[in-house]
Protein backbone atom coordinates (compact mmCIF):
# COMPACT_ATOMS: atom_id res chain seq x y z
CA MET A 1 -9.92 -12.39 -117.33
CA ARG A 2 -11.13 -8.88 -117.27
CA ARG A 3 -13.90 -9.98 -114.89
CA PHE A 4 -11.46 -11.81 -112.59
CA VAL A 5 -9.31 -8.69 -112.32
CA LEU A 6 -12.32 -6.63 -111.51
CA THR A 7 -13.34 -9.11 -108.78
CA LEU A 8 -9.87 -8.98 -107.29
CA ALA A 9 -9.96 -5.17 -107.20
CA LEU A 10 -13.35 -5.07 -105.44
CA ALA A 11 -12.16 -7.66 -102.88
CA GLY A 12 -8.95 -5.70 -102.24
CA SER A 13 -10.82 -2.55 -101.56
CA PHE A 14 -13.12 -4.29 -99.09
CA ILE A 15 -10.18 -5.82 -97.21
CA ALA A 16 -8.39 -2.46 -97.02
CA THR A 17 -11.48 -0.82 -95.62
CA ALA A 18 -11.96 -3.47 -93.01
CA VAL A 19 -8.34 -3.42 -92.03
CA CYS A 20 -8.33 0.41 -91.71
CA GLY A 21 -11.42 0.22 -89.45
CA LEU A 22 -9.84 -2.07 -86.92
CA PRO A 23 -8.09 -0.54 -83.90
CA ALA A 24 -4.32 -0.56 -83.70
CA PRO A 25 -2.72 -3.65 -82.21
CA GLY A 26 -2.69 -3.67 -78.39
CA SER A 27 -5.30 -0.81 -78.26
CA HIS A 28 -8.87 -1.12 -76.79
CA SER A 29 -12.08 0.74 -77.36
CA ALA A 30 -13.30 3.21 -74.83
CA ARG A 31 -15.80 0.67 -73.52
CA GLU A 32 -13.11 -1.96 -73.19
CA LYS A 33 -10.81 0.53 -71.41
CA ARG A 34 -13.50 1.31 -68.92
CA ALA A 35 -14.09 -2.36 -68.32
CA VAL A 36 -10.46 -3.22 -67.98
CA ALA A 37 -9.11 -0.20 -66.10
CA PRO A 38 -8.86 -0.63 -62.29
CA ARG A 39 -11.56 1.12 -60.40
CA ALA A 40 -10.79 3.61 -57.67
CA PRO A 41 -12.08 2.71 -54.30
CA PRO A 42 -15.35 4.32 -53.41
CA THR A 43 -15.21 7.36 -51.28
CA PRO A 44 -16.22 6.51 -47.79
CA ARG A 45 -19.26 8.27 -46.54
CA PRO A 46 -18.91 10.20 -43.36
CA GLN A 47 -19.86 8.20 -40.29
CA THR A 48 -19.76 10.93 -37.61
CA ARG A 49 -23.08 10.12 -36.27
CA ALA A 50 -22.40 6.35 -35.89
CA VAL A 51 -19.07 7.02 -34.15
CA ALA A 52 -20.73 9.54 -31.88
CA VAL A 53 -23.48 7.06 -30.94
CA SER A 54 -20.92 4.24 -30.26
CA GLN A 55 -18.84 6.57 -28.14
CA ALA A 56 -21.89 7.70 -26.19
CA ASN A 57 -22.89 4.06 -25.50
CA ARG A 58 -19.27 3.04 -24.54
CA PRO A 59 -19.05 2.50 -20.78
CA SER A 60 -16.88 4.95 -18.97
CA THR A 61 -13.39 3.73 -17.88
CA VAL A 62 -13.17 6.40 -14.99
CA VAL A 63 -14.72 5.52 -11.68
CA VAL A 64 -14.69 8.03 -8.85
CA ILE A 65 -14.95 6.17 -5.56
CA ASP A 66 -16.17 8.19 -2.56
CA ALA A 67 -15.68 6.48 0.79
CA GLY A 68 -18.29 8.17 3.01
CA HIS A 69 -17.29 10.33 6.04
CA GLY A 70 -13.68 10.27 7.45
CA GLY A 71 -11.46 12.28 9.82
CA ILE A 72 -13.56 14.20 12.30
CA ASP A 73 -16.68 12.93 10.69
CA ARG A 74 -17.15 9.42 12.16
CA GLY A 75 -20.48 8.82 10.47
CA GLY A 76 -23.47 7.08 11.88
CA ILE A 77 -25.45 8.28 14.87
CA PRO A 78 -24.35 9.07 18.53
CA GLY A 79 -23.54 6.03 20.50
CA GLN A 80 -22.78 3.90 17.43
CA ARG A 81 -20.11 1.37 18.36
CA VAL A 82 -18.76 0.59 14.81
CA PRO A 83 -17.30 3.65 13.02
CA GLU A 84 -18.77 4.04 9.61
CA LYS A 85 -15.78 5.95 8.19
CA THR A 86 -13.53 2.83 8.74
CA MET A 87 -15.93 0.41 7.03
CA THR A 88 -16.51 2.66 4.04
CA LEU A 89 -12.81 3.22 3.41
CA ASP A 90 -12.07 -0.58 3.56
CA VAL A 91 -14.74 -1.46 0.96
CA ALA A 92 -13.65 1.49 -1.21
CA GLN A 93 -10.03 0.38 -1.21
CA ARG A 94 -11.00 -3.24 -2.04
CA LEU A 95 -13.21 -1.94 -4.90
CA LYS A 96 -10.36 0.02 -6.27
CA ALA A 97 -8.10 -3.03 -6.28
CA LEU A 98 -10.84 -5.04 -8.06
CA LEU A 99 -11.47 -2.51 -10.80
CA ALA A 100 -7.90 -1.83 -11.84
CA PRO A 101 -7.34 -5.15 -13.55
CA TYR A 102 -10.37 -4.52 -15.78
CA GLY A 103 -8.69 -1.40 -17.18
CA TYR A 104 -10.65 1.18 -15.10
CA ARG A 105 -8.96 4.34 -13.95
CA VAL A 106 -9.96 4.76 -10.32
CA VAL A 107 -10.09 8.04 -8.56
CA MET A 108 -10.52 8.14 -4.69
CA THR A 109 -12.00 11.11 -3.00
CA ARG A 110 -10.07 10.02 0.00
CA ASP A 111 -7.60 7.11 0.46
CA SER A 112 -7.01 7.58 4.21
CA ASP A 113 -8.76 8.68 7.36
CA VAL A 114 -9.16 12.34 6.48
CA PHE A 115 -12.14 14.63 6.32
CA VAL A 116 -13.25 15.76 2.92
CA PRO A 117 -16.04 18.28 2.61
CA LEU A 118 -19.12 17.45 0.55
CA GLY A 119 -18.30 20.28 -1.94
CA THR A 120 -14.78 18.90 -2.59
CA ARG A 121 -16.10 15.36 -3.23
CA VAL A 122 -18.59 16.87 -5.79
CA ALA A 123 -15.86 18.93 -7.36
CA ILE A 124 -13.57 15.90 -7.79
CA ALA A 125 -16.43 13.94 -9.47
CA ASN A 126 -17.33 16.79 -11.78
CA SER A 127 -13.77 17.29 -12.94
CA TYR A 128 -14.08 14.10 -14.96
CA ARG A 129 -16.51 14.42 -17.82
CA ASP A 130 -16.71 10.77 -18.82
CA ALA A 131 -16.90 9.19 -15.40
CA ILE A 132 -19.26 7.59 -12.85
CA PHE A 133 -19.49 8.42 -9.15
CA VAL A 134 -19.96 5.69 -6.57
CA CYS A 135 -20.46 6.72 -2.93
CA ILE A 136 -20.03 3.88 -0.40
CA HIS A 137 -21.83 4.22 3.04
CA PHE A 138 -23.30 2.08 5.73
CA ASN A 139 -26.66 2.87 7.36
CA ALA A 140 -27.69 3.60 10.95
CA ALA A 141 -30.97 3.95 12.83
CA PRO A 142 -32.05 4.35 16.46
CA ARG A 143 -34.21 1.27 15.94
CA ARG A 144 -31.67 -1.58 16.36
CA SER A 145 -33.67 -4.03 14.39
CA ALA A 146 -33.50 -1.93 11.19
CA ASN A 147 -31.53 -3.81 8.47
CA GLY A 148 -31.04 -4.20 4.75
CA ILE A 149 -29.48 -2.79 1.65
CA GLU A 150 -30.49 0.43 0.00
CA THR A 151 -29.18 2.21 -3.15
CA TYR A 152 -29.74 5.93 -3.88
CA PHE A 153 -29.67 8.02 -7.05
CA TYR A 154 -31.02 11.36 -8.23
CA SER A 155 -30.79 12.04 -11.87
CA SER A 156 -32.41 9.88 -14.54
CA GLN A 157 -29.03 9.09 -16.08
CA SER A 158 -27.93 7.52 -12.79
CA LEU A 159 -30.78 5.04 -12.59
CA PRO A 160 -29.13 2.22 -14.76
CA LEU A 161 -26.02 2.42 -12.62
CA ALA A 162 -28.04 2.36 -9.45
CA SER A 163 -30.09 -0.57 -10.74
CA ALA A 164 -27.06 -2.63 -11.66
CA ILE A 165 -25.13 -2.07 -8.34
CA HIS A 166 -28.27 -2.68 -6.25
CA TYR A 167 -29.27 -5.79 -8.12
CA TYR A 168 -25.90 -7.39 -7.30
CA VAL A 169 -25.30 -6.09 -3.88
CA ALA A 170 -28.79 -6.85 -2.58
CA GLY A 171 -28.72 -10.20 -4.38
CA GLY A 172 -25.36 -11.22 -2.76
CA ALA A 173 -26.04 -9.88 0.73
CA PRO A 174 -27.68 -12.11 3.46
CA THR A 175 -29.86 -9.19 4.53
CA PRO A 176 -33.17 -7.80 3.25
CA ASN A 177 -33.54 -5.72 0.07
CA ARG A 178 -34.77 -2.29 0.92
CA GLY A 179 -34.88 -1.18 -2.65
CA VAL A 180 -33.69 1.64 -4.82
CA ARG A 181 -34.60 5.15 -3.75
CA ARG A 182 -34.43 8.56 -5.47
CA ARG A 183 -33.27 11.25 -3.10
CA GLY A 184 -31.53 14.56 -3.23
CA PHE A 185 -28.40 13.95 -1.30
CA TYR A 186 -25.94 16.71 -1.88
CA VAL A 187 -23.34 14.47 -3.56
CA LEU A 188 -25.94 13.05 -5.87
CA ARG A 189 -27.84 16.22 -6.68
CA LYS A 190 -24.76 18.33 -7.50
CA THR A 191 -22.86 15.87 -9.66
CA THR A 192 -23.08 16.11 -13.40
CA ILE A 193 -22.16 12.55 -14.14
CA PRO A 194 -24.05 9.29 -13.25
CA ALA A 195 -23.81 9.04 -9.44
CA VAL A 196 -25.13 6.57 -6.87
CA LEU A 197 -24.92 6.09 -3.14
CA VAL A 198 -25.03 2.49 -1.86
CA GLU A 199 -25.90 1.75 1.77
CA CYS A 200 -24.14 -1.53 2.56
CA GLY A 201 -26.21 -2.39 5.68
CA PHE A 202 -26.97 -1.04 9.11
CA LEU A 203 -23.99 -0.81 11.62
CA THR A 204 -26.55 -0.33 14.36
CA ASN A 205 -27.83 -3.81 13.73
CA ALA A 206 -25.88 -6.34 15.61
CA GLY A 207 -25.94 -8.95 12.85
CA GLU A 208 -25.11 -6.58 9.94
CA ALA A 209 -22.38 -4.86 12.08
CA GLN A 210 -20.77 -8.24 12.65
CA TYR A 211 -20.85 -8.89 8.87
CA ALA A 212 -19.43 -5.47 8.06
CA GLN A 213 -16.46 -6.10 10.23
CA SER A 214 -15.59 -9.39 8.51
CA SER A 215 -12.92 -9.09 5.80
CA ALA A 216 -14.73 -11.79 3.74
CA TYR A 217 -17.95 -9.77 3.73
CA GLN A 218 -16.12 -6.46 2.93
CA GLN A 219 -14.56 -8.22 -0.07
CA LYS A 220 -18.00 -9.67 -1.08
CA LEU A 221 -19.50 -6.15 -1.06
CA ALA A 222 -16.63 -4.86 -3.17
CA GLU A 223 -17.04 -7.65 -5.66
CA GLU A 224 -20.74 -7.09 -6.08
CA ILE A 225 -20.38 -3.26 -6.45
CA GLY A 226 -17.63 -3.91 -9.01
CA ARG A 227 -19.82 -6.28 -10.95
CA GLY A 228 -22.64 -3.72 -11.00
CA ILE A 229 -20.12 -1.20 -12.42
CA ARG A 230 -18.94 -3.50 -15.13
CA GLU A 231 -22.36 -4.67 -16.19
CA ARG A 232 -24.30 -1.42 -15.87
CA SER A 233 -24.60 -1.22 -19.67
CA LEU A 234 -26.69 -4.42 -19.62
CA VAL A 235 -29.55 -2.77 -17.67
CA ALA A 236 -32.83 -2.96 -19.44
CA SER A 237 -34.09 0.38 -20.82
CA THR A 238 -37.74 1.45 -20.97
CA SER A 239 -37.31 3.56 -24.06
CA ALA A 240 -38.90 2.36 -27.31
CA ALA A 241 -35.71 2.43 -29.22
CA ASN A 242 -33.98 -0.04 -26.89
CA ARG A 243 -36.94 -2.48 -26.34
CA LEU A 244 -35.42 -5.12 -28.68
CA ALA A 245 -32.09 -4.90 -26.96
CA ALA A 246 -33.68 -4.91 -23.54
CA ASN A 247 -35.08 -8.39 -24.14
CA ASN A 248 -31.50 -9.76 -24.18
CA THR A 249 -30.35 -8.00 -20.91
CA THR A 250 -29.45 -9.76 -17.78
CA VAL A 251 -29.89 -6.84 -15.29
CA PRO A 252 -33.47 -5.60 -14.84
CA LEU A 253 -34.25 -1.90 -14.42
CA GLN A 254 -35.12 -1.53 -10.70
CA PRO A 255 -38.23 0.16 -9.50
CA PHE A 256 -37.66 3.00 -7.05
CA ILE A 257 -39.17 4.97 -4.20
CA ASP A 258 -39.16 8.73 -4.68
CA GLN A 259 -37.87 10.40 -1.58
CA THR A 260 -36.75 13.76 -3.00
CA HIS A 261 -38.90 15.66 -0.50
CA TYR A 262 -36.58 14.48 2.29
CA ARG A 263 -33.71 16.64 3.44
CA ASP A 264 -30.04 15.67 3.16
CA PRO A 265 -28.94 14.65 6.69
CA ASP A 266 -25.35 15.10 5.78
CA LEU A 267 -25.93 18.69 4.67
CA VAL A 268 -27.92 19.31 7.81
CA ARG A 269 -25.08 17.89 9.91
CA SER A 270 -22.50 19.95 8.27
CA LYS A 271 -24.58 23.16 8.64
CA HIS A 272 -24.94 22.29 12.40
CA ARG A 273 -21.26 21.81 12.67
CA LYS A 274 -20.64 25.30 11.03
CA ARG A 275 -23.23 26.91 13.40
CA SER A 276 -21.74 25.20 16.36
CA SER A 277 -18.18 26.22 15.44
CA LYS A 278 -19.50 29.88 14.87
CA SER A 279 -21.31 29.86 18.09
CA SER A 280 -18.32 28.51 19.97
CA SER A 281 -16.08 31.09 18.36
CA LYS A 282 -18.53 33.80 19.27
CA SER A 283 -18.73 32.64 22.82
CA LYS A 284 -15.04 32.51 23.04
CA SER A 285 -14.69 35.95 21.56
CA SER A 286 -17.44 37.26 24.06
CA LYS A 287 -15.69 35.52 26.96
CA ASN A 288 -12.36 37.10 25.90
CA LYS A 289 -14.07 40.47 25.57
CA LYS A 290 -15.69 40.16 29.04
CA SER A 291 -12.42 39.06 30.47
CA SER A 292 -10.58 41.91 28.84
CA ASP A 293 -13.33 44.33 29.98
CA SER A 294 -13.14 43.04 33.50
CA ASP A 295 -9.39 43.26 33.48
CA SER A 296 -9.55 46.85 32.36
CA GLU A 297 -12.27 47.59 34.97
CA LYS A 298 -9.95 45.99 37.61
CA LYS A 299 -6.97 48.03 36.44
CA SER A 300 -8.97 51.22 36.51
CA SER A 301 -10.42 50.47 39.88
CA THR A 302 -6.99 49.62 41.26
CA GLY A 303 -5.73 52.88 39.77
CA LYS A 304 -8.51 54.86 41.35
CA LYS A 305 -7.90 53.21 44.76
CA LYS A 306 -4.27 54.14 44.59
CA SER A 307 -5.09 57.71 43.69
CA ALA A 308 -7.90 58.11 46.17
CA PRO A 309 -7.22 58.83 49.89
CA ALA A 310 -7.41 56.03 52.33
CA LYS A 311 -10.88 55.62 53.89
CA THR A 312 -11.13 55.28 57.67
CA GLU A 313 -13.83 53.29 59.37
CA ASP A 314 -16.12 55.23 61.71
């Protein structure tokens, strides 16, 4: 009996110790709390660089269209029958209408038959930081058989845009491909954004002049230029970082002819106009001066005659 009581006492003390060591009902250990507690979402790492890269690669939505010549500047060469200023404005307005549905903001350097100086055209283009500048022209040459499509650029950032536009315009035109050319035209050299100048054919060539005056061909030119603008980001790059992406592109980077040693004929023409206007104003002022001097001489001579005694013939 005594042994049984002692056994019960020892068992009771063991059970009490075990019960006291257990956690309270509904409570958890620290490890269980960490496992059960909801985790806070991880702090996002800054992605400034990735965002900057994506924004840099994003195609611009602002297109500045420059219809060449206008107003007193007819364009072309002396004796040219088809006015270049009319053809460029027509294609430019068609291009504007085609780009608008794609979400582009289109800015025109001229939207009517007015003269816009080269400096003003460049200032309009440079006032938009994230934009591209597309100049529309038609070619001319004393040699009537000259024909074909040419596209000009100056800065390296403009080559992909020039490649895309030339690829589609030259590919869709029924005239020869005269290639892409690097040249320091004023409107290309002075712009700080990607800028190209596309020559849509020779108006001094009978066949191309006939095409240029056709509304269907004008629409075709606008469509091909617009396609080049939209797909300029697909142009293959020669940089090592983009070689993999370049294999999947549909627009090849165009080879070009460097003509940067040539002078800008538009700039020379504008200087000639300034000189001629200055010389004409000088000649007018000299003529006015001479006439005023002669008038004063006449007045003085008539005054002298009146004051002098009458002469008699011998």
